[in-house]
C-alpha cells in the first residue's frame, strides 16, 4: 500500500533550555519542540544528540494556540530518549 504525502502548514523548531531546581541546587535539561511557520523549503537535517532531525534550532514559533504534550523520561533517561516518537 502506498501512503500519500501529507502537507503541513508548519515546520518544526526546537530550543534546549535548562530549568533550575532551587530546592536541590541543580538544573535539568528540557527540549522544547514546537510548530514554526513552514517556509516551503525542507528543513536541513540538524544533529541533535545521536539523532538527525528535520528541525530548526531557535526558530520563531508559529502564531496561534496549540496543544501541549509533556513527556518525562524519568530519573535515568535523557531528554532525547523519546525523540523518535
Protein backbone atom coordinates (compact mmCIF):
# COMPACT_ATOMS: atom_id res chain seq x y z
CA UNK A 1 0.00 0.00 0.00
CA UNK A 2 1.30 3.45 -0.89
CA UNK A 3 0.82 6.27 1.52
CA UNK A 4 0.20 9.76 0.17
CA UNK A 5 2.45 12.51 1.44
CA UNK A 6 0.66 14.95 3.68
CA UNK A 7 1.27 18.68 3.76
CA UNK A 8 1.51 20.58 6.98
CA UNK A 9 1.46 24.37 7.15
CA UNK A 10 4.09 24.08 9.88
CA UNK A 11 7.71 23.11 10.19
CA UNK A 12 9.42 22.16 13.50
CA UNK A 13 11.51 24.38 15.72
CA UNK A 14 13.29 23.48 18.92
CA UNK A 15 15.08 25.02 21.86
CA UNK A 16 17.16 23.40 24.55
CA UNK A 17 16.83 25.08 27.92
CA UNK A 18 17.96 24.44 31.48
CA UNK A 19 15.29 24.61 34.19
CA UNK A 20 16.54 25.45 37.69
CA UNK A 21 15.57 23.41 40.74
CA UNK A 22 16.41 25.73 43.62
CA UNK A 23 15.34 23.17 46.23
CA UNK A 24 18.11 20.81 45.10
CA UNK A 25 20.55 23.44 43.77
CA UNK A 26 20.68 21.99 40.26
CA UNK A 27 19.28 22.40 36.77
CA UNK A 28 17.84 19.87 34.36
CA UNK A 29 17.73 19.93 30.57
CA UNK A 30 14.46 20.43 28.68
CA UNK A 31 13.97 20.00 24.95
CA UNK A 32 11.12 22.11 23.55
CA UNK A 33 9.72 21.16 20.14
CA UNK A 34 7.11 23.46 18.63
CA UNK A 35 5.44 24.41 15.33
CA UNK A 36 7.03 27.14 13.22
CA UNK A 37 5.70 28.69 10.02
CA UNK A 38 6.55 26.48 7.03
CA UNK A 39 8.72 28.25 4.50
CA UNK A 40 8.06 25.92 1.58
CA UNK A 41 11.62 24.62 1.82
CA UNK A 42 12.51 21.43 3.65
CA UNK A 43 14.45 21.99 6.84
CA UNK A 44 18.03 20.78 6.64
CA UNK A 45 18.81 17.87 8.97
CA UNK A 46 20.27 19.00 12.29
CA UNK A 47 22.35 16.78 14.57
CA UNK A 48 20.67 16.56 17.96
CA UNK A 49 22.49 14.05 20.11
CA UNK A 50 22.52 10.72 18.28
CA UNK A 51 19.62 11.82 16.04
CA UNK A 52 19.41 13.68 12.77
CA UNK A 53 16.23 15.76 12.87
CA UNK A 54 14.45 17.99 10.40
CA UNK A 55 14.00 20.87 12.81
CA UNK A 56 15.35 24.39 13.13
CA UNK A 57 17.12 25.46 16.33
CA UNK A 58 15.79 28.66 17.92
CA UNK A 59 13.20 29.14 15.14
CA UNK A 60 10.38 31.63 15.65
CA UNK A 61 7.24 29.87 16.97
CA UNK A 62 4.14 29.86 14.77
CA UNK A 63 1.42 32.25 15.91
CA UNK A 64 -1.67 30.76 17.50
CA UNK A 65 -2.62 28.26 20.17
CA UNK A 66 -1.54 24.61 20.04
CA UNK A 67 -1.93 21.57 22.30
CA UNK A 68 0.87 20.83 24.75
CA UNK A 69 2.37 17.36 25.15
CA UNK A 70 4.71 16.74 28.09
CA UNK A 71 6.86 13.61 28.15
CA UNK A 72 9.00 12.83 31.17
CA UNK A 73 11.67 10.19 30.71
CA UNK A 74 12.04 9.58 34.42
CA UNK A 75 15.13 9.69 36.55
CA UNK A 76 17.50 7.59 34.46
CA UNK A 77 16.65 8.72 30.92
CA UNK A 78 17.61 11.67 28.77
CA UNK A 79 15.57 14.39 27.13
CA UNK A 80 16.29 12.72 23.76
CA UNK A 81 15.16 9.24 24.79
CA UNK A 82 11.72 9.51 23.21
CA UNK A 83 12.69 11.72 20.29
CA UNK A 84 11.69 9.16 17.62
CA UNK A 85 8.04 9.32 18.67
